[in-house]
Amino acid sequence: MSSYKPNVRERLVARSLAAWRWETGRSGADVCKAAGFSQAKLSKIENAHHPIKPADVMALGLIYQVPEKERTLVYEAAERALVPGWWEELPPDVVADAVRDYLALESGAELARVFRTDLVPGLLQTRAYALALAKAFVPRPTEQVALSQVEARIKRQERLCQVEKPLTVHAILGEAVLRHPVGGSEVMKEQLRHLLKMGESDRVVLRVIPAAVGAHPALGYQFTILSFAEEHFDDVVYLEQLAGGRYVESPKGREPYTLNFAALQEVALSPGGSADLIAEVADGG
């Protein structure tokens, strides 16, 4: 058994390669002969039991006659999986090891669907709001570590403004998020104004579930669903925990989250109605 531990992106690449072969109906022996691989190598590639070389992705894509666009997307994903991201340069007290895999995954995602009932999602936080959260954590970080954590969070937000391969966010928040004065009234007012500004962006769709709705789908649960441009990259659900997080990758496991997010969109206010509520709370309503 291989001791190699692939990250989530490598597992997505591996599943894409396996799906390509299944769709062509070609046997492993036939593919190995065409590619000059051993059966063991093909098995390791399709199961992510060792790092996947981008050149191998390209070779298999050509053998399977995968359309150039899809082939290139998976090739580039394999490249990103091997290249250290900016988060890899940060020490563990700034970005925990358990979070690095998520940052790598988010960095290649096309869409993030986020449901939160406790706080503003990191991709939409202001510096002051993020700093208040960092300083409240236990054990308390040093001032420098807290500031570095905030800068890491702001760095993630750059993808919302990228021209090439930007990230789109569909966020659904409980009304309580708007009324929880993280950092005090002035910090919270700035955060609410920031949400209004971000809601005007083409990259952010923001909805709020009014408290008056009462019981609603997924109440008591919070999650993020990441989607990708690559055709064979399945959605990945991320469940944040106090010290790290958990991934849900199987179709059966993902289904309840997809269904509940769609149901939450039905009970939430429209983006326009949500903006009105956010503005009302920001004005002291």
C-alpha atoms as a PDB file:
ATOM      1  CA  MET A   1       0.000   0.000   0.000  1.00  0.00           C
ATOM      2  CA  SER A   2       1.320   3.448  -0.952  1.00  0.00           C
ATOM      3  CA  SER A   3       2.283   5.804   1.876  1.00  0.00           C
ATOM      4  CA  TYR A   4       1.791   8.852  -0.367  1.00  0.00           C
ATOM      5  CA  LYS A   5      -0.982  11.195   0.815  1.00  0.00           C
ATOM      6  CA  PRO A   6      -2.491  13.105  -2.122  1.00  0.00           C
ATOM      7  CA  ASN A   7      -4.228  16.410  -1.608  1.00  0.00           C
ATOM      8  CA  VAL A   8      -7.840  16.871  -2.705  1.00  0.00           C
ATOM      9  CA  ARG A   9      -6.847  18.457  -6.037  1.00  0.00           C
ATOM     10  CA  GLU A  10      -4.642  15.469  -6.899  1.00  0.00           C
ATOM     11  CA  ARG A  11      -7.556  13.149  -6.148  1.00  0.00           C
ATOM     12  CA  LEU A  12      -9.749  15.185  -8.512  1.00  0.00           C
ATOM     13  CA  VAL A  13      -7.132  14.944 -11.269  1.00  0.00           C
ATOM     14  CA  ALA A  14      -6.829  11.191 -10.710  1.00  0.00           C
ATOM     15  CA  ARG A  15     -10.602  10.702 -10.943  1.00  0.00           C
ATOM     16  CA  SER A  16     -10.653  12.690 -14.181  1.00  0.00           C
ATOM     17  CA  LEU A  17      -8.002  10.448 -15.715  1.00  0.00           C
ATOM     18  CA  ALA A  18      -9.855   7.323 -14.659  1.00  0.00           C
ATOM     19  CA  ALA A  19     -13.119   8.739 -16.058  1.00  0.00           C
ATOM     20  CA  TRP A  20     -11.441   9.465 -19.396  1.00  0.00           C
ATOM     21  CA  ARG A  21     -10.408   5.817 -19.708  1.00  0.00           C
ATOM     22  CA  TRP A  22     -13.801   4.476 -18.626  1.00  0.00           C
ATOM     23  CA  GLU A  23     -15.550   6.653 -21.202  1.00  0.00           C
ATOM     24  CA  THR A  24     -13.383   5.295 -24.018  1.00  0.00           C
ATOM     25  CA  GLY A  25     -13.888   1.724 -22.855  1.00  0.00           C
ATOM     26  CA  ARG A  26     -10.182   0.986 -23.269  1.00  0.00           C
ATOM     27  CA  SER A  27      -8.521  -1.596 -21.072  1.00  0.00           C
ATOM     28  CA  GLY A  28      -5.657  -0.755 -18.755  1.00  0.00           C
ATOM     29  CA  ALA A  29      -3.344  -3.013 -20.746  1.00  0.00           C
ATOM     30  CA  ASP A  30      -4.231  -1.267 -24.011  1.00  0.00           C
ATOM     31  CA  VAL A  31      -3.634   2.198 -22.519  1.00  0.00           C
ATOM     32  CA  CYS A  32      -0.351   1.139 -20.938  1.00  0.00           C
ATOM     33  CA  LYS A  33       0.898  -0.159 -24.276  1.00  0.00           C
ATOM     34  CA  ALA A  34       0.002   3.120 -26.012  1.00  0.00           C
ATOM     35  CA  ALA A  35       1.496   5.305 -23.275  1.00  0.00           C
ATOM     36  CA  GLY A  36       4.517   3.188 -22.458  1.00  0.00           C
ATOM     37  CA  PHE A  37       3.363   2.815 -18.848  1.00  0.00           C
ATOM     38  CA  SER A  38       3.428  -0.214 -16.611  1.00  0.00           C
ATOM     39  CA  GLN A  39       0.104  -1.416 -15.223  1.00  0.00           C
ATOM     40  CA  ALA A  40       1.342  -0.417 -11.768  1.00  0.00           C
ATOM     41  CA  LYS A  41       2.035   3.149 -12.904  1.00  0.00           C
ATOM     42  CA  LEU A  42      -1.393   3.570 -14.490  1.00  0.00           C
ATOM     43  CA  SER A  43      -3.051   2.234 -11.354  1.00  0.00           C
ATOM     44  CA  LYS A  44      -1.095   4.651  -9.164  1.00  0.00           C
ATOM     45  CA  ILE A  45      -1.994   7.567 -11.429  1.00  0.00           C
ATOM     46  CA  GLU A  46      -5.714   6.727 -11.481  1.00  0.00           C
ATOM     47  CA  ASN A  47      -5.778   6.297  -7.692  1.00  0.00           C
ATOM     48  CA  ALA A  48      -3.453   9.216  -6.829  1.00  0.00           C
ATOM     49  CA  HIS A  49      -1.004   6.933  -5.101  1.00  0.00           C
ATOM     50  CA  HIS A  50       1.908   9.111  -6.163  1.00  0.00           C
ATOM     51  CA  PRO A  51       2.317  12.646  -7.575  1.00  0.00           C
ATOM     52  CA  ILE A  52       0.731  12.963 -11.010  1.00  0.00           C
ATOM     53  CA  LYS A  53       3.028  14.452 -13.643  1.00  0.00           C
ATOM     54  CA  PRO A  54       1.383  16.987 -15.970  1.00  0.00           C
ATOM     55  CA  ALA A  55       3.174  15.306 -18.906  1.00  0.00           C
ATOM     56  CA  ASP A  56       1.390  12.043 -18.073  1.00  0.00           C
ATOM     57  CA  VAL A  57      -1.943  13.887 -18.019  1.00  0.00           C
ATOM     58  CA  MET A  58      -1.249  15.298 -21.480  1.00  0.00           C
ATOM     59  CA  ALA A  59      -0.149  11.897 -22.830  1.00  0.00           C
ATOM     60  CA  LEU A  60      -3.301  10.179 -21.542  1.00  0.00           C
ATOM     61  CA  GLY A  61      -5.503  13.015 -22.788  1.00  0.00           C
ATOM     62  CA  LEU A  62      -4.098  12.584 -26.303  1.00  0.00           C
ATOM     63  CA  ILE A  63      -4.509   8.811 -26.173  1.00  0.00           C
ATOM     64  CA  TYR A  64      -8.140   9.179 -25.085  1.00  0.00           C
ATOM     65  CA  GLN A  65      -8.698  11.958 -27.676  1.00  0.00           C
ATOM     66  CA  VAL A  66     -10.032  14.301 -25.001  1.00  0.00           C
ATOM     67  CA  PRO A  67     -11.047  17.726 -26.397  1.00  0.00           C
ATOM     68  CA  GLU A  68      -8.233  20.245 -26.100  1.00  0.00           C
ATOM     69  CA  LYS A  69     -10.050  22.560 -23.679  1.00  0.00           C
ATOM     70  CA  GLU A  70     -10.781  19.810 -21.142  1.00  0.00           C
ATOM     71  CA  ARG A  71      -7.338  18.284 -21.593  1.00  0.00           C
ATOM     72  CA  THR A  72      -5.677  21.636 -20.944  1.00  0.00           C
ATOM     73  CA  LEU A  73      -7.785  22.310 -17.839  1.00  0.00           C
ATOM     74  CA  VAL A  74      -6.810  19.023 -16.223  1.00  0.00           C
ATOM     75  CA  TYR A  75      -3.169  19.469 -17.307  1.00  0.00           C
ATOM     76  CA  GLU A  76      -3.091  22.886 -15.608  1.00  0.00           C
ATOM     77  CA  ALA A  77      -4.764  21.452 -12.512  1.00  0.00           C
ATOM     78  CA  ALA A  78      -2.028  18.812 -12.305  1.00  0.00           C
ATOM     79  CA  GLU A  79       0.565  21.572 -12.610  1.00  0.00           C
ATOM     80  CA  ARG A  80      -1.025  23.561  -9.777  1.00  0.00           C
ATOM     81  CA  ALA A  81      -1.142  20.487  -7.576  1.00  0.00           C
ATOM     82  CA  LEU A  82       2.655  20.210  -7.784  1.00  0.00           C
ATOM     83  CA  VAL A  83       3.546  23.890  -7.450  1.00  0.00           C
ATOM     84  CA  PRO A  84       3.621  25.288  -3.891  1.00  0.00           C
ATOM     85  CA  GLY A  85       1.037  28.049  -3.422  1.00  0.00           C
ATOM     86  CA  TRP A  86       1.545  31.277  -1.482  1.00  0.00           C
ATOM     87  CA  TRP A  87       0.012  29.609   1.604  1.00  0.00           C
ATOM     88  CA  GLU A  88       2.844  27.046   1.699  1.00  0.00           C
ATOM     89  CA  GLU A  89       5.282  29.801   2.613  1.00  0.00           C
ATOM     90  CA  LEU A  90       3.366  30.727   5.764  1.00  0.00           C
ATOM     91  CA  PRO A  91       4.225  29.136   9.133  1.00  0.00           C
ATOM     92  CA  PRO A  92       1.807  26.694  10.830  1.00  0.00           C
ATOM     93  CA  ASP A  93       0.750  29.255  13.442  1.00  0.00           C
ATOM     94  CA  VAL A  94      -0.533  31.486  10.621  1.00  0.00           C
ATOM     95  CA  VAL A  95      -2.085  28.793   8.399  1.00  0.00           C
ATOM     96  CA  ALA A  96      -2.674  25.444  10.057  1.00  0.00           C
ATOM     97  CA  ASP A  97      -1.572  22.393   8.094  1.00  0.00           C
ATOM     98  CA  ALA A  98      -5.157  21.142   7.975  1.00  0.00           C
ATOM     99  CA  VAL A  99      -6.254  24.362   6.224  1.00  0.00           C
ATOM    100  CA  ARG A 100      -3.559  24.352   3.522  1.00  0.00           C
ATOM    101  CA  ASP A 101      -5.307  21.650   1.511  1.00  0.00           C
ATOM    102  CA  TYR A 102      -8.492  23.716   1.501  1.00  0.00           C
ATOM    103  CA  LEU A 103      -6.655  26.834   0.315  1.00  0.00           C
ATOM    104  CA  ALA A 104      -5.085  24.821  -2.507  1.00  0.00           C
ATOM    105  CA  LEU A 105      -8.517  23.541  -3.484  1.00  0.00           C
ATOM    106  CA  GLU A 106     -10.181  26.957  -3.283  1.00  0.00           C
ATOM    107  CA  SER A 107      -7.396  28.494  -5.370  1.00  0.00           C
ATOM    108  CA  GLY A 108      -8.481  26.375  -8.346  1.00  0.00           C
ATOM    109  CA  ALA A 109     -12.241  26.492  -7.833  1.00  0.00           C
ATOM    110  CA  GLU A 110     -14.617  28.327 -10.141  1.00  0.00           C
ATOM    111  CA  LEU A 111     -17.523  28.693  -7.720  1.00  0.00           C
ATOM    112  CA  ALA A 112     -17.870  28.667  -3.932  1.00  0.00           C
ATOM    113  CA  ARG A 113     -21.350  28.187  -2.480  1.00  0.00           C
ATOM    114  CA  VAL A 114     -21.183  29.159   1.187  1.00  0.00           C
ATOM    115  CA  PHE A 115     -23.784  28.855   3.949  1.00  0.00           C
ATOM    116  CA  ARG A 116     -23.008  30.519   7.300  1.00  0.00           C
ATOM    117  CA  THR A 117     -25.165  31.356  10.299  1.00  0.00           C
ATOM    118  CA  ASP A 118     -22.445  32.477  12.714  1.00  0.00           C
ATOM    119  CA  LEU A 119     -20.061  34.844  10.923  1.00  0.00           C
ATOM    120  CA  VAL A 120     -19.244  36.505   7.617  1.00  0.00           C
ATOM    121  CA  PRO A 121     -17.383  34.106   5.258  1.00  0.00           C
ATOM    122  CA  GLY A 122     -13.641  34.727   5.066  1.00  0.00           C
ATOM    123  CA  LEU A 123     -13.849  35.695   1.394  1.00  0.00           C
ATOM    124  CA  LEU A 124     -16.089  38.626   2.312  1.00  0.00           C
ATOM    125  CA  GLN A 125     -14.502  39.838   5.558  1.00  0.00           C
ATOM    126  CA  THR A 126     -12.877  43.219   6.141  1.00  0.00           C
ATOM    127  CA  ARG A 127      -9.447  43.453   7.745  1.00  0.00           C
ATOM    128  CA  ALA A 128     -10.864  44.807  11.006  1.00  0.00           C
ATOM    129  CA  TYR A 129     -13.527  42.075  11.233  1.00  0.00           C
ATOM    130  CA  ALA A 130     -10.985  39.348  10.461  1.00  0.00           C
ATOM    131  CA  LEU A 131      -8.559  40.770  13.031  1.00  0.00           C
ATOM    132  CA  ALA A 132     -11.237  40.786  15.734  1.00  0.00           C
ATOM    133  CA  LEU A 133     -11.915  37.105  15.018  1.00  0.00           C
ATOM    134  CA  ALA A 134      -8.206  36.235  15.030  1.00  0.00           C
ATOM    135  CA  LYS A 135      -7.631  37.947  18.375  1.00  0.00           C
ATOM    136  CA  ALA A 136     -10.594  36.159  19.957  1.00  0.00           C
ATOM    137  CA  PHE A 137      -9.217  32.698  19.114  1.00  0.00           C
ATOM    138  CA  VAL A 138      -7.965  30.414  21.900  1.00  0.00           C
ATOM    139  CA  PRO A 139      -5.090  30.020  22.459  1.00  0.00           C
ATOM    140  CA  ARG A 140      -4.608  33.718  21.743  1.00  0.00           C
ATOM    141  CA  PRO A 141      -2.160  34.406  18.901  1.00  0.00           C
ATOM    142  CA  THR A 142       0.518  37.061  19.144  1.00  0.00           C
ATOM    143  CA  GLU A 143      -0.224  40.410  17.517  1.00  0.00           C
ATOM    144  CA  GLN A 144       2.076  39.577  14.597  1.00  0.00           C
ATOM    145  CA  VAL A 145       0.527  36.160  14.033  1.00  0.00           C
ATOM    146  CA  ALA A 146      -2.988  37.653  14.144  1.00  0.00           C
ATOM    147  CA  LEU A 147      -2.010  40.298  11.582  1.00  0.00           C
ATOM    148  CA  SER A 148      -0.428  37.637   9.343  1.00  0.00           C
ATOM    149  CA  GLN A 149      -3.596  35.542   9.559  1.00  0.00           C
ATOM    150  CA  VAL A 150      -5.628  38.544   8.443  1.00  0.00           C
ATOM    151  CA  GLU A 151      -3.327  39.219   5.501  1.00  0.00           C
ATOM    152  CA  ALA A 152      -3.644  35.567   4.456  1.00  0.00           C
ATOM    153  CA  ARG A 153      -7.420  35.936   4.499  1.00  0.00           C
ATOM    154  CA  ILE A 154      -7.268  39.123   2.424  1.00  0.00           C
ATOM    155  CA  LYS A 155      -4.927  37.371  -0.020  1.00  0.00           C
ATOM    156  CA  ARG A 156      -7.624  34.756  -0.663  1.00  0.00           C
ATOM    157  CA  GLN A 157     -10.020  37.510  -1.680  1.00  0.00           C
ATOM    158  CA  GLU A 158      -7.849  38.581  -4.613  1.00  0.00           C
ATOM    159  CA  ARG A 159      -9.412  35.869  -6.757  1.00  0.00           C
ATOM    160  CA  LEU A 160     -12.747  37.696  -6.634  1.00  0.00           C
ATOM    161  CA  CYS A 161     -11.147  40.478  -8.697  1.00  0.00           C
ATOM    162  CA  GLN A 162      -9.009  38.414 -11.074  1.00  0.00           C
ATOM    163  CA  VAL A 163      -9.668  38.845 -14.779  1.00  0.00           C
ATOM    164  CA  GLU A 164      -8.366  35.362 -15.587  1.00  0.00           C
ATOM    165  CA  LYS A 165     -10.051  32.427 -13.867  1.00  0.00           C
ATOM    166  CA  PRO A 166     -11.795  34.400 -11.089  1.00  0.00           C
ATOM    167  CA  LEU A 167     -13.711  32.868  -8.220  1.00  0.00           C
ATOM    168  CA  THR A 168     -17.459  33.465  -7.938  1.00  0.00           C
ATOM    169  CA  VAL A 169     -19.116  33.321  -4.518  1.00  0.00           C
ATOM    170  CA  HIS A 170     -22.761  32.552  -3.804  1.00  0.00           C
ATOM    171  CA  ALA A 171     -23.187  33.193  -0.088  1.00  0.00           C
ATOM    172  CA  ILE A 172     -26.250  32.616   2.066  1.00  0.00           C
ATOM    173  CA  LEU A 173     -26.125  34.110   5.561  1.00  0.00           C
ATOM    174  CA  GLY A 174     -28.462  33.926   8.516  1.00  0.00           C
ATOM    175  CA  GLU A 175     -29.670  37.330   9.737  1.00  0.00           C
ATOM    176  CA  ALA A 176     -27.850  36.709  13.022  1.00  0.00           C
ATOM    177  CA  VAL A 177     -24.549  37.117  11.156  1.00  0.00           C
ATOM    178  CA  LEU A 178     -25.478  40.745  10.446  1.00  0.00           C
ATOM    179  CA  ARG A 179     -26.398  41.470  14.053  1.00  0.00           C
ATOM    180  CA  HIS A 180     -23.460  39.827  15.839  1.00  0.00           C
ATOM    181  CA  PRO A 181     -21.184  42.822  16.606  1.00  0.00           C
ATOM    182  CA  VAL A 182     -17.807  41.232  15.937  1.00  0.00           C
ATOM    183  CA  GLY A 183     -15.139  43.786  16.846  1.00  0.00           C
ATOM    184  CA  GLY A 184     -17.689  46.305  18.116  1.00  0.00           C
ATOM    185  CA  SER A 185     -20.293  48.505  16.453  1.00  0.00           C
ATOM    186  CA  GLU A 186     -17.951  50.506  14.205  1.00  0.00           C
ATOM    187  CA  VAL A 187     -16.114  47.435  12.918  1.00  0.00           C
ATOM    188  CA  MET A 188     -19.428  45.722  12.286  1.00  0.00           C
ATOM    189  CA  LYS A 189     -20.881  48.737  10.487  1.00  0.00           C
ATOM    190  CA  GLU A 190     -17.832  48.800   8.200  1.00  0.00           C
ATOM    191  CA  GLN A 191     -18.256  45.080   7.574  1.00  0.00           C
ATOM    192  CA  LEU A 192     -21.904  45.488   6.635  1.00  0.00           C
ATOM    193  CA  ARG A 193     -21.040  48.318   4.239  1.00  0.00           C
ATOM    194  CA  HIS A 194     -18.400  46.060   2.735  1.00  0.00           C
ATOM    195  CA  LEU A 195     -21.000  43.327   2.199  1.00  0.00           C
ATOM    196  CA  LEU A 196     -23.195  45.824   0.365  1.00  0.00           C
ATOM    197  CA  LYS A 197     -20.289  46.797  -1.859  1.00  0.00           C
ATOM    198  CA  MET A 198     -19.315  43.192  -2.558  1.00  0.00           C
ATOM    199  CA  GLY A 199     -22.941  42.358  -3.341  1.00  0.00           C
ATOM    200  CA  GLU A 200     -22.749  44.790  -6.257  1.00  0.00           C
ATOM    201  CA  SER A 201     -19.930  42.766  -7.824  1.00  0.00           C
ATOM    202  CA  ASP A 202     -20.573  40.345 -10.669  1.00  0.00           C
ATOM    203  CA  ARG A 203     -18.561  37.792  -8.685  1.00  0.00           C
ATOM    204  CA  VAL A 204     -20.674  37.788  -5.530  1.00  0.00           C
ATOM    205  CA  VAL A 205     -24.320  36.796  -5.053  1.00  0.00           C
ATOM    206  CA  LEU A 206     -25.320  37.475  -1.464  1.00  0.00           C
ATOM    207  CA  ARG A 207     -28.575  36.375   0.137  1.00  0.00           C
ATOM    208  CA  VAL A 208     -29.804  36.636   3.710  1.00  0.00           C
ATOM    209  CA  ILE A 209     -32.321  34.433   5.518  1.00  0.00           C
ATOM    210  CA  PRO A 210     -34.446  36.661   7.777  1.00  0.00           C
ATOM    211  CA  ALA A 211     -34.804  35.533  11.380  1.00  0.00           C
ATOM    212  CA  ALA A 212     -38.582  35.659  10.916  1.00  0.00           C
ATOM    213  CA  VAL A 213     -38.353  32.605   8.624  1.00  0.00           C
ATOM    214  CA  GLY A 214     -37.884  30.468  11.713  1.00  0.00           C
ATOM    215  CA  ALA A 215     -36.915  26.855  11.029  1.00  0.00           C
ATOM    216  CA  HIS A 216     -35.357  26.395   7.617  1.00  0.00           C
ATOM    217  CA  PRO A 217     -33.284  23.812   5.675  1.00  0.00           C
ATOM    218  CA  ALA A 218     -29.815  23.010   7.069  1.00  0.00           C
ATOM    219  CA  LEU A 219     -30.453  24.947  10.287  1.00  0.00           C
ATOM    220  CA  GLY A 220     -27.602  24.088  12.656  1.00  0.00           C
ATOM    221  CA  TYR A 221     -25.219  23.119   9.850  1.00  0.00           C
ATOM    222  CA  GLN A 222     -22.735  25.226   7.887  1.00  0.00           C
ATOM    223  CA  PHE A 223     -20.826  24.236   4.783  1.00  0.00           C
ATOM    224  CA  THR A 224     -19.020  25.287   1.636  1.00  0.00           C
ATOM    225  CA  ILE A 225     -19.422  23.624  -1.771  1.00  0.00           C
ATOM    226  CA  LEU A 226     -16.558  24.156  -4.216  1.00  0.00           C
ATOM    227  CA  SER A 227     -17.134  23.646  -7.955  1.00  0.00           C
ATOM    228  CA  PHE A 228     -14.574  23.555 -10.757  1.00  0.00           C
ATOM    229  CA  ALA A 229     -14.332  24.381 -14.448  1.00  0.00           C
ATOM    230  CA  GLU A 230     -12.859  20.972 -15.281  1.00  0.00           C
ATOM    231  CA  GLU A 231     -15.612  18.719 -16.654  1.00  0.00           C
ATOM    232  CA  HIS A 232     -14.720  15.637 -14.613  1.00  0.00           C
ATOM    233  CA  PHE A 233     -13.891  17.480 -11.381  1.00  0.00           C
ATOM    234  CA  ASP A 234     -16.766  16.724  -9.028  1.00  0.00           C
ATOM    235  CA  ASP A 235     -17.900  19.224  -6.428  1.00  0.00           C
ATOM    236  CA  VAL A 236     -16.208  19.021  -3.044  1.00  0.00           C
ATOM    237  CA  VAL A 237     -17.995  19.888   0.197  1.00  0.00           C
ATOM    238  CA  TYR A 238     -15.898  21.400   2.978  1.00  0.00           C
ATOM    239  CA  LEU A 239     -17.048  21.282   6.607  1.00  0.00           C
ATOM    240  CA  GLU A 240     -15.034  23.654   8.751  1.00  0.00           C
ATOM    241  CA  GLN A 241     -14.085  22.495  12.241  1.00  0.00           C
ATOM    242  CA  LEU A 242     -12.342  24.167  15.166  1.00  0.00           C
ATOM    243  CA  ALA A 243      -8.996  22.603  14.293  1.00  0.00           C
ATOM    244  CA  GLY A 244      -9.091  21.975  10.552  1.00  0.00           C
ATOM    245  CA  GLY A 245     -11.942  20.636   8.466  1.00  0.00           C
ATOM    246  CA  ARG A 246     -13.478  17.636   6.707  1.00  0.00           C
ATOM    247  CA  TYR A 247     -14.117  16.971   3.022  1.00  0.00           C
ATOM    248  CA  VAL A 248     -17.114  15.222   1.521  1.00  0.00           C
ATOM    249  CA  GLU A 249     -16.222  13.931  -1.947  1.00  0.00           C
ATOM    250  CA  SER A 250     -18.560  11.011  -2.700  1.00  0.00           C
ATOM    251  CA  PRO A 251     -21.705  11.662  -4.795  1.00  0.00           C
ATOM    252  CA  LYS A 252     -23.959  10.235  -2.073  1.00  0.00           C
ATOM    253  CA  GLY A 253     -22.267  12.306   0.602  1.00  0.00           C
ATOM    254  CA  ARG A 254     -22.436  15.541  -1.430  1.00  0.00           C
ATOM    255  CA  GLU A 255     -26.092  15.257  -2.419  1.00  0.00           C
ATOM    256  CA  PRO A 256     -27.677  16.502   0.849  1.00  0.00           C
ATOM    257  CA  TYR A 257     -25.542  19.657   0.782  1.00  0.00           C
ATOM    258  CA  THR A 258     -26.383  20.437  -2.833  1.00  0.00           C
ATOM    259  CA  LEU A 259     -30.092  19.885  -2.215  1.00  0.00           C
ATOM    260  CA  ASN A 260     -30.092  21.963   0.959  1.00  0.00           C
ATOM    261  CA  PHE A 261     -28.220  24.860  -0.613  1.00  0.00           C
ATOM    262  CA  ALA A 262     -30.823  24.992  -3.374  1.00  0.00           C
ATOM    263  CA  ALA A 263     -33.566  24.881  -0.730  1.00  0.00           C
ATOM    264  CA  LEU A 264     -31.879  27.691   1.218  1.00  0.00           C
ATOM    265  CA  GLN A 265     -31.942  29.863  -1.900  1.00  0.00           C
ATOM    266  CA  GLU A 266     -35.711  29.429  -1.971  1.00  0.00           C
ATOM    267  CA  VAL A 267     -36.245  30.682   1.602  1.00  0.00           C
ATOM    268  CA  ALA A 268     -33.605  33.441   1.533  1.00  0.00           C
ATOM    269  CA  LEU A 269     -34.348  36.969   0.415  1.00  0.00           C
ATOM    270  CA  SER A 270     -33.446  37.971  -3.124  1.00  0.00           C
ATOM    271  CA  PRO A 271     -30.065  39.704  -3.544  1.00  0.00           C
ATOM    272  CA  GLY A 272     -31.904  43.042  -3.681  1.00  0.00           C
ATOM    273  CA  GLY A 273     -33.999  42.279  -0.613  1.00  0.00           C
ATOM    274  CA  SER A 274     -30.894  41.048   1.192  1.00  0.00           C
ATOM    275  CA  ALA A 275     -29.084  44.303   0.409  1.00  0.00           C
ATOM    276  CA  ASP A 276     -32.026  46.249   1.866  1.00  0.00           C
ATOM    277  CA  LEU A 277     -31.860  44.229   5.091  1.00  0.00           C
ATOM    278  CA  ILE A 278     -28.088  44.627   5.370  1.00  0.00           C
ATOM    279  CA  ALA A 279     -28.407  48.383   4.868  1.00  0.00           C
ATOM    280  CA  GLU A 280     -31.168  48.553   7.484  1.00  0.00           C
ATOM    281  CA  VAL A 281     -29.020  46.750  10.060  1.00  0.00           C
ATOM    282  CA  ALA A 282     -26.007  48.913   9.191  1.00  0.00           C
ATOM    283  CA  ASP A 283     -28.141  51.994   9.861  1.00  0.00           C
ATOM    284  CA  GLY A 284     -29.095  50.661  13.274  1.00  0.00           C
ATOM    285  CA  GLY A 285     -32.343  48.985  12.327  1.00  0.00           C
END
